[in-house]
């Protein structure tokens, strides 16, 4: 009796592949990637003046760090925009 081989994928990998193949994920992927791509391009124009203006207080420094983190996330998410 031949037994089917056990799946070597972890549960989190199976969930990611299921989400990747789902219809909703396919419909949302392109617009989300496009938005992230353009956000990654335009966001430096927002925080660049902050670099030249300096940081007067902790709030402005935290805002800059948050914008920088958002830029990194946008770069990662939008990396595959318009790639075939």
PDB file of N, CA and C in Angstrom:
ATOM      1  N   UNK A   1       0.820  -1.179   0.000  1.00  0.00           N
ATOM      2  CA  UNK A   1       0.000   0.000   0.000  1.00  0.00           C
ATOM      3  C   UNK A   1       0.870   1.251   0.000  1.00  0.00           C
ATOM      4  N   UNK A   2       0.723   2.058  -1.001  1.00  0.00           N
ATOM      5  CA  UNK A   2       1.490   3.296  -1.070  1.00  0.00           C
ATOM      6  C   UNK A   2       0.782   4.378  -0.281  1.00  0.00           C
ATOM      7  N   UNK A   3       1.558   5.037   0.543  1.00  0.00           N
ATOM      8  CA  UNK A   3       1.005   6.153   1.301  1.00  0.00           C
ATOM      9  C   UNK A   3       1.427   7.442   0.627  1.00  0.00           C
ATOM     10  N   UNK A   4       0.547   8.423   0.667  1.00  0.00           N
ATOM     11  CA  UNK A   4       0.874   9.726   0.105  1.00  0.00           C
ATOM     12  C   UNK A   4       1.962  10.362   0.949  1.00  0.00           C
ATOM     13  N   UNK A   5       2.942  11.004   0.321  1.00  0.00           N
ATOM     14  CA  UNK A   5       4.002  11.641   1.103  1.00  0.00           C
ATOM     15  C   UNK A   5       3.436  12.782   1.938  1.00  0.00           C
ATOM     16  N   UNK A   6       3.985  12.913   3.119  1.00  0.00           N
ATOM     17  CA  UNK A   6       3.529  13.982   4.008  1.00  0.00           C
ATOM     18  C   UNK A   6       4.038  15.311   3.475  1.00  0.00           C
ATOM     19  N   UNK A   7       3.244  16.324   3.640  1.00  0.00           N
ATOM     20  CA  UNK A   7       3.619  17.653   3.183  1.00  0.00           C
ATOM     21  C   UNK A   7       4.764  18.175   4.038  1.00  0.00           C
ATOM     22  N   UNK A   8       5.749  18.749   3.381  1.00  0.00           N
ATOM     23  CA  UNK A   8       6.885  19.306   4.104  1.00  0.00           C
ATOM     24  C   UNK A   8       6.721  20.793   4.360  1.00  0.00           C
ATOM     25  N   UNK A   9       5.604  21.359   3.900  1.00  0.00           N
ATOM     26  CA  UNK A   9       5.382  22.789   4.119  1.00  0.00           C
ATOM     27  C   UNK A   9       4.892  23.029   5.538  1.00  0.00           C
ATOM     28  N   UNK A  10       5.379  24.122   6.118  1.00  0.00           N
ATOM     29  CA  UNK A  10       4.916  24.499   7.443  1.00  0.00           C
ATOM     30  C   UNK A  10       3.508  25.082   7.319  1.00  0.00           C
ATOM     31  N   UNK A  11       2.760  25.110   8.406  1.00  0.00           N
ATOM     32  CA  UNK A  11       1.404  25.688   8.346  1.00  0.00           C
ATOM     33  C   UNK A  11       1.390  27.131   7.867  1.00  0.00           C
ATOM     34  N   UNK A  12       2.383  27.923   8.273  1.00  0.00           N
ATOM     35  CA  UNK A  12       2.394  29.324   7.835  1.00  0.00           C
ATOM     36  C   UNK A  12       2.648  29.424   6.331  1.00  0.00           C
ATOM     37  N   UNK A  13       3.473  28.539   5.795  1.00  0.00           N
ATOM     38  CA  UNK A  13       3.717  28.529   4.352  1.00  0.00           C
ATOM     39  C   UNK A  13       2.461  28.127   3.602  1.00  0.00           C
ATOM     40  N   UNK A  14       1.728  27.150   4.135  1.00  0.00           N
ATOM     41  CA  UNK A  14       0.481  26.726   3.507  1.00  0.00           C
ATOM     42  C   UNK A  14      -0.538  27.859   3.499  1.00  0.00           C
ATOM     43  N   UNK A  15      -0.626  28.609   4.582  1.00  0.00           N
ATOM     44  CA  UNK A  15      -1.562  29.731   4.663  1.00  0.00           C
ATOM     45  C   UNK A  15      -1.177  30.800   3.649  1.00  0.00           C
ATOM     46  N   UNK A  16       0.129  31.120   3.554  1.00  0.00           N
ATOM     47  CA  UNK A  16       0.575  32.121   2.593  1.00  0.00           C
ATOM     48  C   UNK A  16       0.272  31.697   1.158  1.00  0.00           C
ATOM     49  N   UNK A  17       0.491  30.436   0.840  1.00  0.00           N
ATOM     50  CA  UNK A  17       0.210  29.973  -0.519  1.00  0.00           C
ATOM     51  C   UNK A  17      -1.283  29.982  -0.806  1.00  0.00           C
ATOM     52  N   UNK A  18      -2.087  29.640   0.189  1.00  0.00           N
ATOM     53  CA  UNK A  18      -3.535  29.690   0.009  1.00  0.00           C
ATOM     54  C   UNK A  18      -3.988  31.121  -0.229  1.00  0.00           C
ATOM     55  N   UNK A  19      -3.458  32.065   0.550  1.00  0.00           N
ATOM     56  CA  UNK A  19      -3.816  33.471   0.369  1.00  0.00           C
ATOM     57  C   UNK A  19      -3.336  33.994  -0.974  1.00  0.00           C
ATOM     58  N   UNK A  20      -2.155  33.584  -1.391  1.00  0.00           N
ATOM     59  CA  UNK A  20      -1.613  34.043  -2.653  1.00  0.00           C
ATOM     60  C   UNK A  20      -2.486  33.575  -3.816  1.00  0.00           C
ATOM     61  N   UNK A  21      -3.046  32.384  -3.686  1.00  0.00           N
ATOM     62  CA  UNK A  21      -3.855  31.826  -4.759  1.00  0.00           C
ATOM     63  C   UNK A  21      -5.319  32.248  -4.687  1.00  0.00           C
ATOM     64  N   UNK A  22      -5.729  32.870  -3.606  1.00  0.00           N
ATOM     65  CA  UNK A  22      -7.135  33.228  -3.468  1.00  0.00           C
ATOM     66  C   UNK A  22      -7.497  34.348  -4.442  1.00  0.00           C
ATOM     67  N   UNK A  23      -8.723  34.382  -4.811  1.00  0.00           N
ATOM     68  CA  UNK A  23      -9.205  35.371  -5.776  1.00  0.00           C
ATOM     69  C   UNK A  23      -9.056  36.800  -5.247  1.00  0.00           C
ATOM     70  N   UNK A  24      -9.407  36.997  -3.997  1.00  0.00           N
ATOM     71  CA  UNK A  24      -9.308  38.333  -3.403  1.00  0.00           C
ATOM     72  C   UNK A  24      -7.849  38.813  -3.397  1.00  0.00           C
ATOM     73  N   UNK A  25      -6.938  37.914  -3.075  1.00  0.00           N
ATOM     74  CA  UNK A  25      -5.524  38.292  -3.056  1.00  0.00           C
ATOM     75  C   UNK A  25      -5.049  38.661  -4.450  1.00  0.00           C
ATOM     76  N   UNK A  26      -5.492  37.925  -5.454  1.00  0.00           N
ATOM     77  CA  UNK A  26      -5.090  38.246  -6.828  1.00  0.00           C
ATOM     78  C   UNK A  26      -5.648  39.594  -7.261  1.00  0.00           C
ATOM     79  N   UNK A  27      -6.881  39.899  -6.837  1.00  0.00           N
ATOM     80  CA  UNK A  27      -7.492  41.173  -7.224  1.00  0.00           C
ATOM     81  C   UNK A  27      -6.841  42.364  -6.522  1.00  0.00           C
ATOM     82  N   UNK A  28      -6.434  42.165  -5.298  1.00  0.00           N
ATOM     83  CA  UNK A  28      -5.876  43.274  -4.519  1.00  0.00           C
ATOM     84  C   UNK A  28      -4.369  43.438  -4.699  1.00  0.00           C
ATOM     85  N   UNK A  29      -3.701  42.426  -5.179  1.00  0.00           N
ATOM     86  CA  UNK A  29      -2.248  42.461  -5.244  1.00  0.00           C
ATOM     87  C   UNK A  29      -1.726  43.615  -6.099  1.00  0.00           C
ATOM     88  N   UNK A  30      -2.226  43.752  -7.308  1.00  0.00           N
ATOM     89  CA  UNK A  30      -1.707  44.789  -8.209  1.00  0.00           C
ATOM     90  C   UNK A  30      -1.931  46.205  -7.690  1.00  0.00           C
ATOM     91  N   UNK A  31      -3.157  46.548  -7.241  1.00  0.00           N
ATOM     92  CA  UNK A  31      -3.325  47.918  -6.731  1.00  0.00           C
ATOM     93  C   UNK A  31      -2.513  48.198  -5.467  1.00  0.00           C
ATOM     94  N   UNK A  32      -2.377  47.204  -4.602  1.00  0.00           N
ATOM     95  CA  UNK A  32      -1.593  47.408  -3.377  1.00  0.00           C
ATOM     96  C   UNK A  32      -0.123  47.589  -3.731  1.00  0.00           C
ATOM     97  N   UNK A  33       0.392  46.771  -4.647  1.00  0.00           N
ATOM     98  CA  UNK A  33       1.778  46.930  -5.076  1.00  0.00           C
ATOM     99  C   UNK A  33       2.006  48.281  -5.750  1.00  0.00           C
ATOM    100  N   UNK A  34       1.064  48.705  -6.574  1.00  0.00           N
ATOM    101  CA  UNK A  34       1.202  49.999  -7.248  1.00  0.00           C
ATOM    102  C   UNK A  34       1.205  51.140  -6.238  1.00  0.00           C
ATOM    103  N   UNK A  35       0.286  51.091  -5.283  1.00  0.00           N
ATOM    104  CA  UNK A  35       0.224  52.128  -4.249  1.00  0.00           C
ATOM    105  C   UNK A  35       1.517  52.161  -3.443  1.00  0.00           C
ATOM    106  N   UNK A  36       2.012  50.991  -3.060  1.00  0.00           N
ATOM    107  CA  UNK A  36       3.243  50.925  -2.274  1.00  0.00           C
ATOM    108  C   UNK A  36       4.434  51.420  -3.086  1.00  0.00           C
ATOM    109  N   UNK A  37       4.478  51.071  -4.364  1.00  0.00           N
ATOM    110  CA  UNK A  37       5.571  51.510  -5.236  1.00  0.00           C
ATOM    111  C   UNK A  37       5.630  53.035  -5.302  1.00  0.00           C
ATOM    112  N   UNK A  38       4.494  53.654  -5.587  1.00  0.00           N
ATOM    113  CA  UNK A  38       4.475  55.109  -5.709  1.00  0.00           C
ATOM    114  C   UNK A  38       4.654  55.802  -4.367  1.00  0.00           C
ATOM    115  N   UNK A  39       4.197  55.171  -3.298  1.00  0.00           N
ATOM    116  CA  UNK A  39       4.439  55.719  -1.966  1.00  0.00           C
ATOM    117  C   UNK A  39       5.930  55.714  -1.665  1.00  0.00           C
ATOM    118  N   UNK A  40       6.606  54.625  -2.017  1.00  0.00           N
ATOM    119  CA  UNK A  40       8.046  54.531  -1.782  1.00  0.00           C
ATOM    120  C   UNK A  40       8.815  55.590  -2.571  1.00  0.00           C
ATOM    121  N   UNK A  41       8.300  55.945  -3.735  1.00  0.00           N
ATOM    122  CA  UNK A  41       8.965  56.969  -4.540  1.00  0.00           C
ATOM    123  C   UNK A  41       8.705  58.368  -3.991  1.00  0.00           C
ATOM    124  N   UNK A  42       7.472  58.640  -3.595  1.00  0.00           N
ATOM    125  CA  UNK A  42       7.094  60.000  -3.190  1.00  0.00           C
ATOM    126  C   UNK A  42       7.380  60.329  -1.726  1.00  0.00           C
ATOM    127  N   UNK A  43       7.449  59.331  -0.868  1.00  0.00           N
ATOM    128  CA  UNK A  43       7.621  59.585   0.562  1.00  0.00           C
ATOM    129  C   UNK A  43       8.908  60.342   0.901  1.00  0.00           C
ATOM    130  N   UNK A  44      10.013  60.097   0.236  1.00  0.00           N
ATOM    131  CA  UNK A  44      11.207  60.889   0.567  1.00  0.00           C
ATOM    132  C   UNK A  44      11.024  62.397   0.373  1.00  0.00           C
ATOM    133  N   UNK A  45      10.134  62.796  -0.518  1.00  0.00           N
ATOM    134  CA  UNK A  45       9.880  64.224  -0.687  1.00  0.00           C
ATOM    135  C   UNK A  45       9.192  64.817   0.544  1.00  0.00           C
ATOM    136  N   UNK A  46       8.577  63.970   1.347  1.00  0.00           N
ATOM    137  CA  UNK A  46       7.926  64.434   2.570  1.00  0.00           C
ATOM    138  C   UNK A  46       8.940  64.561   3.693  1.00  0.00           C
ATOM    139  N   UNK A  47       9.797  63.558   3.857  1.00  0.00           N
ATOM    140  CA  UNK A  47      10.707  63.628   4.996  1.00  0.00           C
ATOM    141  C   UNK A  47      12.051  64.256   4.700  1.00  0.00           C
ATOM    142  N   UNK A  48      12.370  64.493   3.444  1.00  0.00           N
ATOM    143  CA  UNK A  48      13.631  65.146   3.117  1.00  0.00           C
ATOM    144  C   UNK A  48      13.729  66.547   3.721  1.00  0.00           C
ATOM    145  N   UNK A  49      12.679  67.369   3.648  1.00  0.00           N
ATOM    146  CA  UNK A  49      12.763  68.686   4.312  1.00  0.00           C
ATOM    147  C   UNK A  49      12.967  68.590   5.825  1.00  0.00           C
ATOM    148  N   UNK A  50      12.486  67.503   6.410  1.00  0.00           N
ATOM    149  CA  UNK A  50      12.698  67.331   7.852  1.00  0.00           C
ATOM    150  C   UNK A  50      14.184  67.160   8.162  1.00  0.00           C
ATOM    151  N   UNK A  51      14.903  66.498   7.273  1.00  0.00           N
ATOM    152  CA  UNK A  51      16.338  66.316   7.490  1.00  0.00           C
ATOM    153  C   UNK A  51      17.078  67.650   7.465  1.00  0.00           C
ATOM    154  N   UNK A  52      16.703  68.502   6.526  1.00  0.00           N
ATOM    155  CA  UNK A  52      17.373  69.795   6.400  1.00  0.00           C
ATOM    156  C   UNK A  52      16.922  70.788   7.466  1.00  0.00           C
ATOM    157  N   UNK A  53      15.696  70.633   7.946  1.00  0.00           N
ATOM    158  CA  UNK A  53      15.166  71.543   8.951  1.00  0.00           C
ATOM    159  C   UNK A  53      15.607  71.211  10.362  1.00  0.00           C
ATOM    160  N   UNK A  54      16.043  69.986  10.566  1.00  0.00           N
ATOM    161  CA  UNK A  54      16.455  69.577  11.899  1.00  0.00           C
ATOM    162  C   UNK A  54      15.277  69.067  12.710  1.00  0.00           C
ATOM    163  N   UNK A  55      15.597  68.535  13.869  1.00  0.00           N
ATOM    164  CA  UNK A  55      14.576  67.972  14.755  1.00  0.00           C
ATOM    165  C   UNK A  55      14.559  68.777  16.051  1.00  0.00           C
ATOM    166  N   UNK A  56      13.480  69.545  16.202  1.00  0.00           N
ATOM    167  CA  UNK A  56      13.387  70.409  17.375  1.00  0.00           C
ATOM    168  C   UNK A  56      13.029  69.639  18.636  1.00  0.00           C
ATOM    169  N   UNK A  57      12.255  68.575  18.478  1.00  0.00           N
ATOM    170  CA  UNK A  57      11.805  67.837  19.657  1.00  0.00           C
ATOM    171  C   UNK A  57      11.698  66.353  19.331  1.00  0.00           C
ATOM    172  N   UNK A  58      11.332  65.587  20.342  1.00  0.00           N
ATOM    173  CA  UNK A  58      11.226  64.134  20.191  1.00  0.00           C
ATOM    174  C   UNK A  58      10.111  63.753  19.229  1.00  0.00           C
ATOM    175  N   UNK A  59       9.049  64.529  19.207  1.00  0.00           N
ATOM    176  CA  UNK A  59       7.921  64.218  18.321  1.00  0.00           C
ATOM    177  C   UNK A  59       8.340  64.268  16.857  1.00  0.00           C
ATOM    178  N   UNK A  60       9.101  65.272  16.476  1.00  0.00           N
ATOM    179  CA  UNK A  60       9.540  65.366  15.083  1.00  0.00           C
ATOM    180  C   UNK A  60      10.509  64.229  14.742  1.00  0.00           C
ATOM    181  N   UNK A  61      11.326  63.825  15.697  1.00  0.00           N
ATOM    182  CA  UNK A  61      12.233  62.702  15.470  1.00  0.00           C
ATOM    183  C   UNK A  61      11.461  61.397  15.304  1.00  0.00           C
ATOM    184  N   UNK A  62      10.438  61.193  16.127  1.00  0.00           N
ATOM    185  CA  UNK A  62       9.606  59.990  16.009  1.00  0.00           C
ATOM    186  C   UNK A  62       8.813  59.995  14.700  1.00  0.00           C
ATOM    187  N   UNK A  63       8.338  61.160  14.295  1.00  0.00           N
ATOM    188  CA  UNK A  63       7.635  61.263  13.022  1.00  0.00           C
ATOM    189  C   UNK A  63       8.560  60.898  11.863  1.00  0.00           C
ATOM    190  N   UNK A  64       9.778  61.390  11.908  1.00  0.00           N
ATOM    191  CA  UNK A  64      10.749  61.051  10.872  1.00  0.00           C
ATOM    192  C   UNK A  64      11.031  59.551  10.852  1.00  0.00           C
ATOM    193  N   UNK A  65      11.225  58.958  12.025  1.00  0.00           N
ATOM    194  CA  UNK A  65      11.487  57.516  12.105  1.00  0.00           C
ATOM    195  C   UNK A  65      10.303  56.716  11.572  1.00  0.00           C
ATOM    196  N   UNK A  66       9.084  57.165  11.878  1.00  0.00           N
ATOM    197  CA  UNK A  66       7.891  56.491  11.363  1.00  0.00           C
ATOM    198  C   UNK A  66       7.775  56.595   9.855  1.00  0.00           C
ATOM    199  N   UNK A  67       8.087  57.766   9.313  1.00  0.00           N
ATOM    200  CA  UNK A  67       8.066  57.943   7.856  1.00  0.00           C
ATOM    201  C   UNK A  67       9.142  57.096   7.180  1.00  0.00           C
ATOM    202  N   UNK A  68      10.292  57.013   7.799  1.00  0.00           N
ATOM    203  CA  UNK A  68      11.367  56.191   7.252  1.00  0.00           C
ATOM    204  C   UNK A  68      10.980  54.711   7.268  1.00  0.00           C
ATOM    205  N   UNK A  69      10.375  54.268   8.348  1.00  0.00           N
ATOM    206  CA  UNK A  69       9.897  52.886   8.435  1.00  0.00           C
ATOM    207  C   UNK A  69       8.805  52.620   7.401  1.00  0.00           C
ATOM    208  N   UNK A  70       7.896  53.565   7.233  1.00  0.00           N
ATOM    209  CA  UNK A  70       6.843  53.421   6.216  1.00  0.00           C
ATOM    210  C   UNK A  70       7.451  53.335   4.826  1.00  0.00           C
ATOM    211  N   UNK A  71       8.520  54.077   4.583  1.00  0.00           N
ATOM    212  CA  UNK A  71       9.193  54.030   3.290  1.00  0.00           C
ATOM    213  C   UNK A  71       9.811  52.659   3.035  1.00  0.00           C
ATOM    214  N   UNK A  72      10.418  52.084   4.052  1.00  0.00           N
ATOM    215  CA  UNK A  72      11.011  50.751   3.921  1.00  0.00           C
ATOM    216  C   UNK A  72       9.933  49.709   3.633  1.00  0.00           C
ATOM    217  N   UNK A  73       8.827  49.785   4.358  1.00  0.00           N
ATOM    218  CA  UNK A  73       7.717  48.846   4.131  1.00  0.00           C
ATOM    219  C   UNK A  73       7.162  49.015   2.716  1.00  0.00           C
ATOM    220  N   UNK A  74       6.994  50.255   2.292  1.00  0.00           N
ATOM    221  CA  UNK A  74       6.485  50.506   0.937  1.00  0.00           C
ATOM    222  C   UNK A  74       7.450  49.970  -0.119  1.00  0.00           C
ATOM    223  N   UNK A  75       8.743  50.097   0.131  1.00  0.00           N
ATOM    224  CA  UNK A  75       9.720  49.541  -0.803  1.00  0.00           C
ATOM    225  C   UNK A  75       9.596  48.027  -0.904  1.00  0.00           C
ATOM    226  N   UNK A  76       9.432  47.383   0.221  1.00  0.00           N
ATOM    227  CA  UNK A  76       9.315  45.922   0.222  1.00  0.00           C
ATOM    228  C   UNK A  76       8.033  45.454  -0.458  1.00  0.00           C
ATOM    229  N   UNK A  77       6.926  46.112  -0.161  1.00  0.00           N
ATOM    230  CA  UNK A  77       5.635  45.695  -0.724  1.00  0.00           C
ATOM    231  C   UNK A  77       5.548  46.029  -2.209  1.00  0.00           C
ATOM    232  N   UNK A  78       6.058  47.184  -2.605  1.00  0.00           N
ATOM    233  CA  UNK A  78       5.931  47.624  -3.986  1.00  0.00           C
ATOM    234  C   UNK A  78       7.055  47.188  -4.898  1.00  0.00           C
ATOM    235  N   UNK A  79       7.967  46.385  -4.381  1.00  0.00           N
ATOM    236  CA  UNK A  79       9.138  45.978  -5.144  1.00  0.00           C
ATOM    237  C   UNK A  79       8.785  45.283  -6.467  1.00  0.00           C
ATOM    238  N   UNK A  80       7.757  44.478  -6.505  1.00  0.00           N
ATOM    239  CA  UNK A  80       7.430  43.702  -7.705  1.00  0.00           C
ATOM    240  C   UNK A  80       6.432  44.394  -8.620  1.00  0.00           C
ATOM    241  N   UNK A  81       6.129  45.658  -8.392  1.00  0.00           N
ATOM    242  CA  UNK A  81       5.173  46.369  -9.232  1.00  0.00           C
ATOM    243  C   UNK A  81       5.670  46.420 -10.671  1.00  0.00           C
ATOM    244  N   UNK A  82       4.801  46.030 -11.602  1.00  0.00           N
ATOM    245  CA  UNK A  82       5.072  46.028 -13.048  1.00  0.00           C
ATOM    246  C   UNK A  82       6.200  45.093 -13.455  1.00  0.00           C
ATOM    247  N   UNK A  83       6.475  44.089 -12.659  1.00  0.00           N
ATOM    248  CA  UNK A  83       7.459  43.078 -13.056  1.00  0.00           C
ATOM    249  C   UNK A  83       6.688  41.887 -13.586  1.00  0.00           C
ATOM    250  N   UNK A  84       7.152  41.372 -14.653  1.00  0.00           N
ATOM    251  CA  UNK A  84       6.471  40.219 -15.285  1.00  0.00           C
ATOM    252  C   UNK A  84       7.311  38.990 -15.083  1.00  0.00           C
TER     253      UNK A  84
END
